[in-house]
Amino acid sequence: MAHRRLIIDKIGSILDATDQNYDQQLTAMIDQASRIFIAGAGRSALVARFFAMRLMHGGYNVFVVGEIVTPSLSKGDLLIVISGSGETETMIAFAKRAKELGGKLVLISSRTSSTLGDMSDTVFPIGQPDLFGKVVGMPMGTVFELSTLVFLEATVSHIIHEKGIAEEEMRARHANLE
């Protein structure tokens, strides 16, 4: 039980230190985009896929970068990159290409300053950098990934509430070949 409390308390402290207006800002950017592309590497990719699925359930035209059926990005599209460090080489390459093609770039990161951050139109730092020190029992980026997952799920909750999207409507878009 102590480990559960450790994780919940740490995620809570990160989210408490995250700007409460980010969900509204991110929602506005998503709504203004023609299409949404989401990318991340490693466990951040899993968080990205989770968010993409929820946006699709909400009726958005969303794609996960790297999937075989992902179309080309073009002007008016939004690329959301999830990278704790803001220095992931593959994400930097995706970001450069998206900017060349006229896309908007959003970074969700644990850092306020990074290579990806410098390229981005908007950076949403999750928590504060000093909160991401070594946490016993939560190794190798776990704090960032879980905090980001909860932040993005709260953003989806904001979208559902703001737009009045019924669960039945979302369920109708859920995969049915499972």
N, C-alpha and C. Protein backbone atom coordinates (compact mmCIF):
# COMPACT_ATOMS: atom_id res chain seq x y z
N MET A 1 0.81 -1.20 0.00
CA MET A 1 0.00 0.00 0.00
C MET A 1 0.86 1.26 0.00
N ALA A 2 2.00 1.22 0.62
CA ALA A 2 2.89 2.38 0.69
C ALA A 2 3.35 2.81 -0.71
N HIS A 3 3.57 1.84 -1.59
CA HIS A 3 4.01 2.16 -2.95
C HIS A 3 2.89 2.85 -3.73
N ARG A 4 1.66 2.42 -3.54
CA ARG A 4 0.54 3.08 -4.21
C ARG A 4 0.44 4.54 -3.76
N ARG A 5 0.57 4.76 -2.48
CA ARG A 5 0.48 6.12 -1.93
C ARG A 5 1.62 6.98 -2.46
N LEU A 6 2.83 6.40 -2.54
CA LEU A 6 3.99 7.12 -3.08
C LEU A 6 3.70 7.60 -4.50
N ILE A 7 3.19 6.72 -5.34
CA ILE A 7 2.91 7.04 -6.73
C ILE A 7 1.81 8.10 -6.83
N ILE A 8 0.73 7.90 -6.12
CA ILE A 8 -0.38 8.85 -6.16
C ILE A 8 0.05 10.22 -5.66
N ASP A 9 0.80 10.24 -4.54
CA ASP A 9 1.26 11.52 -3.99
C ASP A 9 2.19 12.24 -4.96
N LYS A 10 3.09 11.49 -5.60
CA LYS A 10 4.06 12.11 -6.52
C LYS A 10 3.34 12.68 -7.75
N ILE A 11 2.45 11.90 -8.34
CA ILE A 11 1.70 12.38 -9.50
C ILE A 11 0.87 13.60 -9.10
N GLY A 12 0.27 13.55 -7.93
CA GLY A 12 -0.51 14.69 -7.43
C GLY A 12 0.33 15.95 -7.32
N SER A 13 1.56 15.81 -6.81
CA SER A 13 2.43 16.99 -6.65
C SER A 13 2.84 17.55 -8.01
N ILE A 14 3.06 16.68 -8.97
CA ILE A 14 3.41 17.13 -10.33
C ILE A 14 2.24 17.87 -10.95
N LEU A 15 1.05 17.30 -10.86
CA LEU A 15 -0.12 17.93 -11.47
C LEU A 15 -0.50 19.23 -10.75
N ASP A 16 -0.29 19.29 -9.44
CA ASP A 16 -0.53 20.53 -8.70
C ASP A 16 0.40 21.65 -9.18
N ALA A 17 1.59 21.28 -9.64
CA ALA A 17 2.58 22.26 -10.11
C ALA A 17 2.46 22.52 -11.62
N THR A 18 1.44 21.95 -12.25
CA THR A 18 1.20 22.14 -13.68
C THR A 18 0.11 23.18 -13.87
N ASP A 19 0.32 24.12 -14.78
CA ASP A 19 -0.62 25.20 -15.03
C ASP A 19 -2.02 24.63 -15.28
N GLN A 20 -2.99 25.11 -14.55
CA GLN A 20 -4.37 24.61 -14.63
C GLN A 20 -5.08 25.03 -15.92
N ASN A 21 -4.50 25.95 -16.67
CA ASN A 21 -5.11 26.40 -17.92
C ASN A 21 -4.65 25.61 -19.14
N TYR A 22 -3.70 24.69 -18.95
CA TYR A 22 -3.17 23.95 -20.09
C TYR A 22 -4.23 23.15 -20.82
N ASP A 23 -5.17 22.55 -20.10
CA ASP A 23 -6.18 21.75 -20.80
C ASP A 23 -7.02 22.61 -21.74
N GLN A 24 -7.35 23.82 -21.32
CA GLN A 24 -8.10 24.74 -22.18
C GLN A 24 -7.25 25.18 -23.37
N GLN A 25 -5.98 25.48 -23.14
CA GLN A 25 -5.09 25.91 -24.22
C GLN A 25 -4.89 24.78 -25.24
N LEU A 26 -4.64 23.56 -24.74
CA LEU A 26 -4.43 22.43 -25.64
C LEU A 26 -5.71 22.12 -26.41
N THR A 27 -6.85 22.19 -25.75
CA THR A 27 -8.13 21.96 -26.43
C THR A 27 -8.33 22.96 -27.56
N ALA A 28 -8.02 24.22 -27.32
CA ALA A 28 -8.17 25.25 -28.36
C ALA A 28 -7.27 24.94 -29.55
N MET A 29 -6.05 24.52 -29.30
CA MET A 29 -5.13 24.20 -30.39
C MET A 29 -5.62 22.99 -31.18
N ILE A 30 -6.14 22.00 -30.48
CA ILE A 30 -6.67 20.80 -31.13
C ILE A 30 -7.87 21.17 -32.00
N ASP A 31 -8.75 22.02 -31.46
CA ASP A 31 -9.94 22.43 -32.20
C ASP A 31 -9.61 23.26 -33.44
N GLN A 32 -8.52 24.02 -33.39
CA GLN A 32 -8.14 24.85 -34.53
C GLN A 32 -7.42 24.07 -35.62
N ALA A 33 -6.93 22.89 -35.30
CA ALA A 33 -6.15 22.10 -36.26
C ALA A 33 -7.05 21.40 -37.27
N SER A 34 -6.54 21.27 -38.49
CA SER A 34 -7.25 20.48 -39.50
C SER A 34 -7.24 19.01 -39.08
N ARG A 35 -6.05 18.54 -38.73
CA ARG A 35 -5.88 17.16 -38.25
C ARG A 35 -4.84 17.18 -37.14
N ILE A 36 -4.86 16.15 -36.31
CA ILE A 36 -3.94 16.06 -35.18
C ILE A 36 -3.07 14.83 -35.37
N PHE A 37 -1.76 15.04 -35.22
CA PHE A 37 -0.78 13.95 -35.26
C PHE A 37 -0.12 13.92 -33.89
N ILE A 38 0.06 12.73 -33.35
CA ILE A 38 0.64 12.60 -32.01
C ILE A 38 1.82 11.64 -32.07
N ALA A 39 2.92 12.03 -31.40
CA ALA A 39 4.14 11.21 -31.44
C ALA A 39 4.81 11.17 -30.07
N GLY A 40 5.49 10.09 -29.83
CA GLY A 40 6.31 9.91 -28.64
C GLY A 40 7.18 8.69 -28.87
N ALA A 41 8.22 8.54 -28.08
CA ALA A 41 9.10 7.37 -28.19
C ALA A 41 9.04 6.59 -26.88
N GLY A 42 9.25 5.30 -26.96
CA GLY A 42 9.26 4.47 -25.76
C GLY A 42 7.93 4.52 -25.04
N ARG A 43 7.98 4.67 -23.72
CA ARG A 43 6.74 4.71 -22.94
C ARG A 43 5.93 5.98 -23.23
N SER A 44 6.59 7.05 -23.64
CA SER A 44 5.85 8.24 -24.05
C SER A 44 5.00 7.95 -25.28
N ALA A 45 5.43 7.01 -26.11
CA ALA A 45 4.63 6.59 -27.27
C ALA A 45 3.35 5.91 -26.82
N LEU A 46 3.43 5.17 -25.72
CA LEU A 46 2.22 4.52 -25.20
C LEU A 46 1.23 5.58 -24.70
N VAL A 47 1.74 6.59 -24.04
CA VAL A 47 0.89 7.69 -23.58
C VAL A 47 0.29 8.41 -24.79
N ALA A 48 1.09 8.62 -25.83
CA ALA A 48 0.61 9.27 -27.05
C ALA A 48 -0.53 8.46 -27.69
N ARG A 49 -0.38 7.17 -27.74
CA ARG A 49 -1.40 6.30 -28.33
C ARG A 49 -2.70 6.36 -27.52
N PHE A 50 -2.55 6.37 -26.21
CA PHE A 50 -3.70 6.46 -25.33
C PHE A 50 -4.48 7.75 -25.62
N PHE A 51 -3.76 8.88 -25.70
CA PHE A 51 -4.38 10.17 -25.97
C PHE A 51 -5.03 10.19 -27.36
N ALA A 52 -4.33 9.66 -28.35
CA ALA A 52 -4.88 9.62 -29.72
C ALA A 52 -6.19 8.83 -29.74
N MET A 53 -6.23 7.71 -29.05
CA MET A 53 -7.44 6.90 -29.02
C MET A 53 -8.59 7.68 -28.40
N ARG A 54 -8.33 8.36 -27.30
CA ARG A 54 -9.38 9.13 -26.64
C ARG A 54 -9.86 10.29 -27.52
N LEU A 55 -8.96 10.94 -28.22
CA LEU A 55 -9.37 12.02 -29.13
C LEU A 55 -10.23 11.46 -30.26
N MET A 56 -9.86 10.30 -30.79
CA MET A 56 -10.66 9.66 -31.83
C MET A 56 -12.05 9.35 -31.30
N HIS A 57 -12.14 8.84 -30.07
CA HIS A 57 -13.44 8.57 -29.47
C HIS A 57 -14.26 9.86 -29.36
N GLY A 58 -13.57 10.98 -29.19
CA GLY A 58 -14.24 12.28 -29.09
C GLY A 58 -14.61 12.89 -30.43
N GLY A 59 -14.26 12.21 -31.52
CA GLY A 59 -14.66 12.66 -32.84
C GLY A 59 -13.61 13.44 -33.61
N TYR A 60 -12.39 13.48 -33.10
CA TYR A 60 -11.32 14.21 -33.78
C TYR A 60 -10.66 13.36 -34.86
N ASN A 61 -10.11 14.05 -35.87
CA ASN A 61 -9.37 13.41 -36.94
C ASN A 61 -7.91 13.33 -36.48
N VAL A 62 -7.52 12.20 -35.91
CA VAL A 62 -6.23 12.08 -35.22
C VAL A 62 -5.46 10.86 -35.72
N PHE A 63 -4.13 11.01 -35.74
CA PHE A 63 -3.25 9.94 -36.23
C PHE A 63 -2.05 9.80 -35.31
N VAL A 64 -1.55 8.59 -35.20
CA VAL A 64 -0.33 8.32 -34.45
C VAL A 64 0.82 8.25 -35.44
N VAL A 65 1.83 9.09 -35.24
CA VAL A 65 2.99 9.11 -36.13
C VAL A 65 3.68 7.75 -36.08
N GLY A 66 4.01 7.23 -37.25
CA GLY A 66 4.72 5.96 -37.34
C GLY A 66 3.84 4.77 -37.68
N GLU A 67 2.53 4.93 -37.56
CA GLU A 67 1.63 3.85 -37.94
C GLU A 67 1.60 3.76 -39.46
N ILE A 68 1.40 2.60 -39.99
CA ILE A 68 1.46 2.40 -41.43
C ILE A 68 0.35 3.14 -42.18
N VAL A 69 -0.76 3.45 -41.52
CA VAL A 69 -1.87 4.13 -42.18
C VAL A 69 -1.90 5.63 -41.89
N THR A 70 -0.85 6.16 -41.27
CA THR A 70 -0.80 7.60 -40.98
C THR A 70 -0.52 8.37 -42.27
N PRO A 71 -1.39 9.35 -42.60
CA PRO A 71 -1.19 10.12 -43.84
C PRO A 71 -0.09 11.17 -43.67
N SER A 72 0.16 11.87 -44.76
CA SER A 72 1.15 12.95 -44.72
C SER A 72 0.59 14.14 -43.97
N LEU A 73 1.47 14.82 -43.25
CA LEU A 73 1.12 16.04 -42.52
C LEU A 73 1.18 17.20 -43.48
N SER A 74 0.29 18.18 -43.31
CA SER A 74 0.31 19.36 -44.17
C SER A 74 -0.03 20.61 -43.37
N LYS A 75 0.05 21.74 -44.04
CA LYS A 75 -0.23 23.02 -43.40
C LYS A 75 -1.61 22.98 -42.75
N GLY A 76 -1.68 23.52 -41.52
CA GLY A 76 -2.94 23.52 -40.79
C GLY A 76 -3.08 22.36 -39.84
N ASP A 77 -2.18 21.39 -39.95
CA ASP A 77 -2.20 20.24 -39.05
C ASP A 77 -1.40 20.54 -37.79
N LEU A 78 -1.65 19.79 -36.75
CA LEU A 78 -0.98 19.95 -35.46
C LEU A 78 -0.24 18.67 -35.11
N LEU A 79 1.04 18.81 -34.77
CA LEU A 79 1.82 17.68 -34.27
C LEU A 79 2.03 17.90 -32.77
N ILE A 80 1.57 16.94 -31.98
CA ILE A 80 1.78 16.96 -30.54
C ILE A 80 2.85 15.92 -30.23
N VAL A 81 3.96 16.38 -29.67
CA VAL A 81 5.07 15.49 -29.32
C VAL A 81 5.13 15.38 -27.80
N ILE A 82 5.23 14.15 -27.32
CA ILE A 82 5.40 13.89 -25.90
C ILE A 82 6.84 13.40 -25.71
N SER A 83 7.62 14.18 -24.98
CA SER A 83 9.02 13.84 -24.74
C SER A 83 9.44 14.43 -23.41
N GLY A 84 9.73 13.59 -22.44
CA GLY A 84 10.15 14.06 -21.14
C GLY A 84 11.38 14.95 -21.22
N SER A 85 12.35 14.53 -22.01
CA SER A 85 13.61 15.27 -22.10
C SER A 85 13.55 16.42 -23.10
N GLY A 86 12.70 16.30 -24.11
CA GLY A 86 12.68 17.27 -25.19
C GLY A 86 13.89 17.14 -26.11
N GLU A 87 14.61 16.03 -25.98
CA GLU A 87 15.85 15.82 -26.74
C GLU A 87 15.85 14.51 -27.54
N THR A 88 14.73 13.83 -27.64
CA THR A 88 14.66 12.56 -28.34
C THR A 88 14.89 12.76 -29.83
N GLU A 89 15.95 12.15 -30.36
CA GLU A 89 16.37 12.40 -31.75
C GLU A 89 15.27 12.16 -32.77
N THR A 90 14.54 11.06 -32.65
CA THR A 90 13.49 10.78 -33.64
C THR A 90 12.39 11.84 -33.57
N MET A 91 12.08 12.30 -32.38
CA MET A 91 11.04 13.33 -32.23
C MET A 91 11.52 14.66 -32.81
N ILE A 92 12.82 14.95 -32.67
CA ILE A 92 13.39 16.17 -33.25
C ILE A 92 13.27 16.12 -34.78
N ALA A 93 13.54 14.97 -35.36
CA ALA A 93 13.41 14.81 -36.82
C ALA A 93 11.96 15.00 -37.25
N PHE A 94 11.01 14.40 -36.51
CA PHE A 94 9.59 14.57 -36.85
C PHE A 94 9.20 16.05 -36.75
N ALA A 95 9.66 16.70 -35.70
CA ALA A 95 9.31 18.11 -35.47
C ALA A 95 9.85 19.00 -36.59
N LYS A 96 11.12 18.77 -36.99
CA LYS A 96 11.71 19.56 -38.08
C LYS A 96 10.88 19.42 -39.34
N ARG A 97 10.52 18.20 -39.66
CA ARG A 97 9.75 17.95 -40.88
C ARG A 97 8.36 18.58 -40.80
N ALA A 98 7.71 18.47 -39.65
CA ALA A 98 6.38 19.07 -39.48
C ALA A 98 6.44 20.57 -39.67
N LYS A 99 7.47 21.22 -39.12
CA LYS A 99 7.61 22.67 -39.27
C LYS A 99 7.87 23.04 -40.74
N GLU A 100 8.70 22.24 -41.43
CA GLU A 100 8.96 22.49 -42.85
C GLU A 100 7.67 22.42 -43.67
N LEU A 101 6.77 21.55 -43.26
CA LEU A 101 5.52 21.33 -43.99
C LEU A 101 4.42 22.31 -43.59
N GLY A 102 4.71 23.20 -42.65
CA GLY A 102 3.74 24.22 -42.24
C GLY A 102 2.82 23.80 -41.11
N GLY A 103 3.18 22.72 -40.43
CA GLY A 103 2.38 22.28 -39.30
C GLY A 103 2.71 23.05 -38.04
N LYS A 104 1.79 23.05 -37.11
CA LYS A 104 2.03 23.62 -35.78
C LYS A 104 2.59 22.51 -34.91
N LEU A 105 3.43 22.91 -33.94
CA LEU A 105 4.10 21.93 -33.09
C LEU A 105 3.87 22.26 -31.62
N VAL A 106 3.39 21.27 -30.89
CA VAL A 106 3.21 21.37 -29.44
C VAL A 106 4.09 20.31 -28.79
N LEU A 107 4.81 20.71 -27.76
CA LEU A 107 5.61 19.77 -26.98
C LEU A 107 5.03 19.66 -25.58
N ILE A 108 4.87 18.43 -25.13
CA ILE A 108 4.51 18.14 -23.75
C ILE A 108 5.75 17.50 -23.15
N SER A 109 6.32 18.13 -22.10
CA SER A 109 7.64 17.74 -21.61
C SER A 109 7.77 18.00 -20.12
N SER A 110 8.82 17.44 -19.54
CA SER A 110 9.13 17.75 -18.14
C SER A 110 10.06 18.95 -18.05
N ARG A 111 10.54 19.41 -19.20
CA ARG A 111 11.48 20.53 -19.24
C ARG A 111 10.87 21.75 -19.91
N THR A 112 11.24 22.90 -19.43
CA THR A 112 10.75 24.13 -20.04
C THR A 112 11.64 24.57 -21.20
N SER A 113 12.88 24.07 -21.24
CA SER A 113 13.81 24.44 -22.29
C SER A 113 14.48 23.18 -22.84
N SER A 114 14.47 23.04 -24.16
CA SER A 114 15.07 21.87 -24.81
C SER A 114 15.14 22.13 -26.31
N THR A 115 15.76 21.23 -27.03
CA THR A 115 15.81 21.34 -28.49
C THR A 115 14.41 21.34 -29.08
N LEU A 116 13.58 20.39 -28.65
CA LEU A 116 12.20 20.34 -29.16
C LEU A 116 11.41 21.57 -28.70
N GLY A 117 11.65 21.99 -27.47
CA GLY A 117 10.95 23.16 -26.95
C GLY A 117 11.25 24.40 -27.77
N ASP A 118 12.52 24.56 -28.16
CA ASP A 118 12.92 25.72 -28.96
C ASP A 118 12.27 25.72 -30.34
N MET A 119 11.93 24.54 -30.85
CA MET A 119 11.30 24.42 -32.16
C MET A 119 9.78 24.58 -32.10
N SER A 120 9.21 24.42 -30.93
CA SER A 120 7.76 24.32 -30.77
C SER A 120 7.06 25.66 -30.78
N ASP A 121 5.82 25.64 -31.24
CA ASP A 121 4.96 26.81 -31.16
C ASP A 121 4.51 27.01 -29.72
N THR A 122 4.30 25.90 -29.02
CA THR A 122 3.85 25.93 -27.63
C THR A 122 4.48 24.76 -26.89
N VAL A 123 4.89 25.02 -25.66
CA VAL A 123 5.39 23.97 -24.77
C VAL A 123 4.50 23.92 -23.55
N PHE A 124 4.04 22.73 -23.22
CA PHE A 124 3.29 22.51 -22.00
C PHE A 124 4.18 21.72 -21.05
N PRO A 125 4.91 22.41 -20.16
CA PRO A 125 5.72 21.67 -19.19
C PRO A 125 4.81 21.06 -18.12
N ILE A 126 4.99 19.80 -17.90
CA ILE A 126 4.23 19.08 -16.87
C ILE A 126 5.02 19.21 -15.57
N GLY A 127 4.42 19.80 -14.55
CA GLY A 127 5.11 20.00 -13.28
C GLY A 127 6.20 21.06 -13.41
N GLN A 128 7.17 20.97 -12.54
CA GLN A 128 8.34 21.85 -12.53
C GLN A 128 9.58 20.96 -12.60
N PRO A 129 10.63 21.39 -13.30
CA PRO A 129 11.82 20.53 -13.46
C PRO A 129 12.39 19.99 -12.16
N ASP A 130 12.35 20.76 -11.10
CA ASP A 130 12.94 20.31 -9.83
C ASP A 130 12.13 19.18 -9.18
N LEU A 131 10.93 18.90 -9.66
CA LEU A 131 10.11 17.82 -9.10
C LEU A 131 10.42 16.46 -9.73
N PHE A 132 11.28 16.45 -10.75
CA PHE A 132 11.54 15.22 -11.48
C PHE A 132 12.86 14.56 -11.09
N GLY A 133 13.36 14.84 -9.91
CA GLY A 133 14.57 14.17 -9.46
C GLY A 133 14.31 12.68 -9.29
N LYS A 134 15.32 11.98 -8.93
CA LYS A 134 15.22 10.54 -8.73
C LYS A 134 14.18 10.23 -7.65
N VAL A 135 13.24 9.36 -7.97
CA VAL A 135 12.21 8.94 -7.03
C VAL A 135 12.32 7.43 -6.87
N VAL A 136 12.67 6.99 -5.67
CA VAL A 136 12.79 5.56 -5.40
C VAL A 136 11.43 4.90 -5.64
N GLY A 137 11.44 3.84 -6.43
CA GLY A 137 10.21 3.12 -6.74
C GLY A 137 9.53 3.61 -8.01
N MET A 138 10.02 4.70 -8.59
CA MET A 138 9.44 5.23 -9.83
C MET A 138 10.59 5.58 -10.78
N PRO A 139 11.25 4.57 -11.34
CA PRO A 139 12.47 4.79 -12.12
C PRO A 139 12.22 5.23 -13.56
N MET A 140 13.25 5.82 -14.12
CA MET A 140 13.39 6.01 -15.56
C MET A 140 12.21 6.68 -16.25
N GLY A 141 11.78 7.81 -15.77
CA GLY A 141 10.73 8.56 -16.46
C GLY A 141 9.31 8.23 -16.05
N THR A 142 9.13 7.30 -15.14
CA THR A 142 7.78 6.91 -14.73
C THR A 142 6.96 8.10 -14.25
N VAL A 143 7.57 8.98 -13.47
CA VAL A 143 6.85 10.14 -12.93
C VAL A 143 6.31 11.00 -14.07
N PHE A 144 7.13 11.28 -15.07
CA PHE A 144 6.67 12.10 -16.21
C PHE A 144 5.56 11.40 -16.98
N GLU A 145 5.76 10.14 -17.30
CA GLU A 145 4.79 9.43 -18.14
C GLU A 145 3.43 9.31 -17.46
N LEU A 146 3.42 8.92 -16.19
CA LEU A 146 2.14 8.78 -15.49
C LEU A 146 1.47 10.14 -15.29
N SER A 147 2.25 11.16 -14.97
CA SER A 147 1.69 12.50 -14.81
C SER A 147 1.12 13.01 -16.12
N THR A 148 1.82 12.76 -17.21
CA THR A 148 1.35 13.19 -18.53
C THR A 148 0.08 12.44 -18.92
N LEU A 149 0.05 11.14 -18.63
CA LEU A 149 -1.15 10.35 -18.92
C LEU A 149 -2.36 10.93 -18.20
N VAL A 150 -2.20 11.25 -16.92
CA VAL A 150 -3.31 11.81 -16.15
C VAL A 150 -3.67 13.21 -16.67
N PHE A 151 -2.66 14.02 -16.96
CA PHE A 151 -2.91 15.36 -17.53
C PHE A 151 -3.72 15.25 -18.83
N LEU A 152 -3.33 14.35 -19.72
CA LEU A 152 -4.02 14.22 -21.00
C LEU A 152 -5.42 13.64 -20.82
N GLU A 153 -5.58 12.73 -19.88
CA GLU A 153 -6.93 12.21 -19.61
C GLU A 153 -7.82 13.32 -19.05
N ALA A 154 -7.25 14.20 -18.23
CA ALA A 154 -8.01 15.35 -17.72
C ALA A 154 -8.37 16.29 -18.87
N THR A 155 -7.49 16.43 -19.85
CA THR A 155 -7.78 17.25 -21.03
C THR A 155 -8.95 16.65 -21.80
N VAL A 156 -8.95 15.34 -21.97
CA VAL A 156 -10.05 14.66 -22.65
C VAL A 156 -11.35 14.88 -21.86
N SER A 157 -11.27 14.78 -20.55
CA SER A 157 -12.44 15.03 -19.71
C SER A 157 -12.95 16.45 -19.92
N HIS A 158 -12.03 17.40 -20.01
CA HIS A 158 -12.40 18.80 -20.28
C HIS A 158 -13.12 18.91 -21.63
N ILE A 159 -12.58 18.25 -22.65
CA ILE A 159 -13.17 18.28 -23.99
C ILE A 159 -14.58 17.68 -23.96
N ILE A 160 -14.72 16.54 -23.34
CA ILE A 160 -16.02 15.86 -23.28
C ILE A 160 -17.05 16.75 -22.59
N HIS A 161 -16.64 17.35 -21.48
CA HIS A 161 -17.55 18.22 -20.72
C HIS A 161 -17.89 19.48 -21.52
N GLU A 162 -16.85 20.12 -22.07
CA GLU A 162 -17.05 21.38 -22.80
C GLU A 162 -17.94 21.20 -24.02
N LYS A 163 -17.79 20.09 -24.72
CA LYS A 163 -18.52 19.86 -25.96
C LYS A 163 -19.80 19.04 -25.76
N GLY A 164 -20.00 18.56 -24.54
CA GLY A 164 -21.19 17.77 -24.26
C GLY A 164 -21.23 16.45 -25.03
N ILE A 165 -20.07 15.81 -25.18
CA ILE A 165 -19.99 14.55 -25.91
C ILE A 165 -20.47 13.43 -24.99
N ALA A 166 -21.53 12.76 -25.40
CA ALA A 166 -22.10 11.67 -24.61
C ALA A 166 -21.23 10.42 -24.70
N GLU A 167 -21.19 9.65 -23.61
CA GLU A 167 -20.41 8.41 -23.62
C GLU A 167 -20.90 7.47 -24.72
N GLU A 168 -22.20 7.46 -24.99
CA GLU A 168 -22.74 6.59 -26.04
C GLU A 168 -22.16 6.97 -27.41
N GLU A 169 -21.97 8.26 -27.62
CA GLU A 169 -21.38 8.74 -28.88
C GLU A 169 -19.93 8.26 -28.98
N MET A 170 -19.20 8.34 -27.87
CA MET A 170 -17.81 7.88 -27.85
C MET A 170 -17.76 6.36 -28.05
N ARG A 171 -18.64 5.66 -27.38
CA ARG A 171 -18.67 4.20 -27.49
C ARG A 171 -18.96 3.75 -28.91
N ALA A 172 -19.77 4.51 -29.65
CA ALA A 172 -20.08 4.18 -31.04
C ALA A 172 -18.84 4.25 -31.93
N ARG A 173 -17.83 5.04 -31.52
CA ARG A 173 -16.59 5.15 -32.29
C ARG A 173 -15.53 4.14 -31.83
N HIS A 174 -15.78 3.47 -30.73
CA HIS A 174 -14.82 2.51 -30.17
C HIS A 174 -14.65 1.33 -31.12
N ALA A 175 -13.44 0.80 -31.16
CA ALA A 175 -13.15 -0.36 -32.02
C ALA A 175 -14.15 -1.48 -31.74
N ASN A 176 -14.66 -2.12 -32.80
CA ASN A 176 -15.59 -3.22 -32.61
C ASN A 176 -15.08 -4.52 -33.24
N LEU A 177 -13.82 -4.53 -33.62
CA LEU A 177 -13.19 -5.76 -34.14
C LEU A 177 -12.16 -6.26 -33.13
N GLU A 178 -12.54 -6.29 -31.89
CA GLU A 178 -11.62 -6.73 -30.82
C GLU A 178 -11.96 -8.15 -30.40
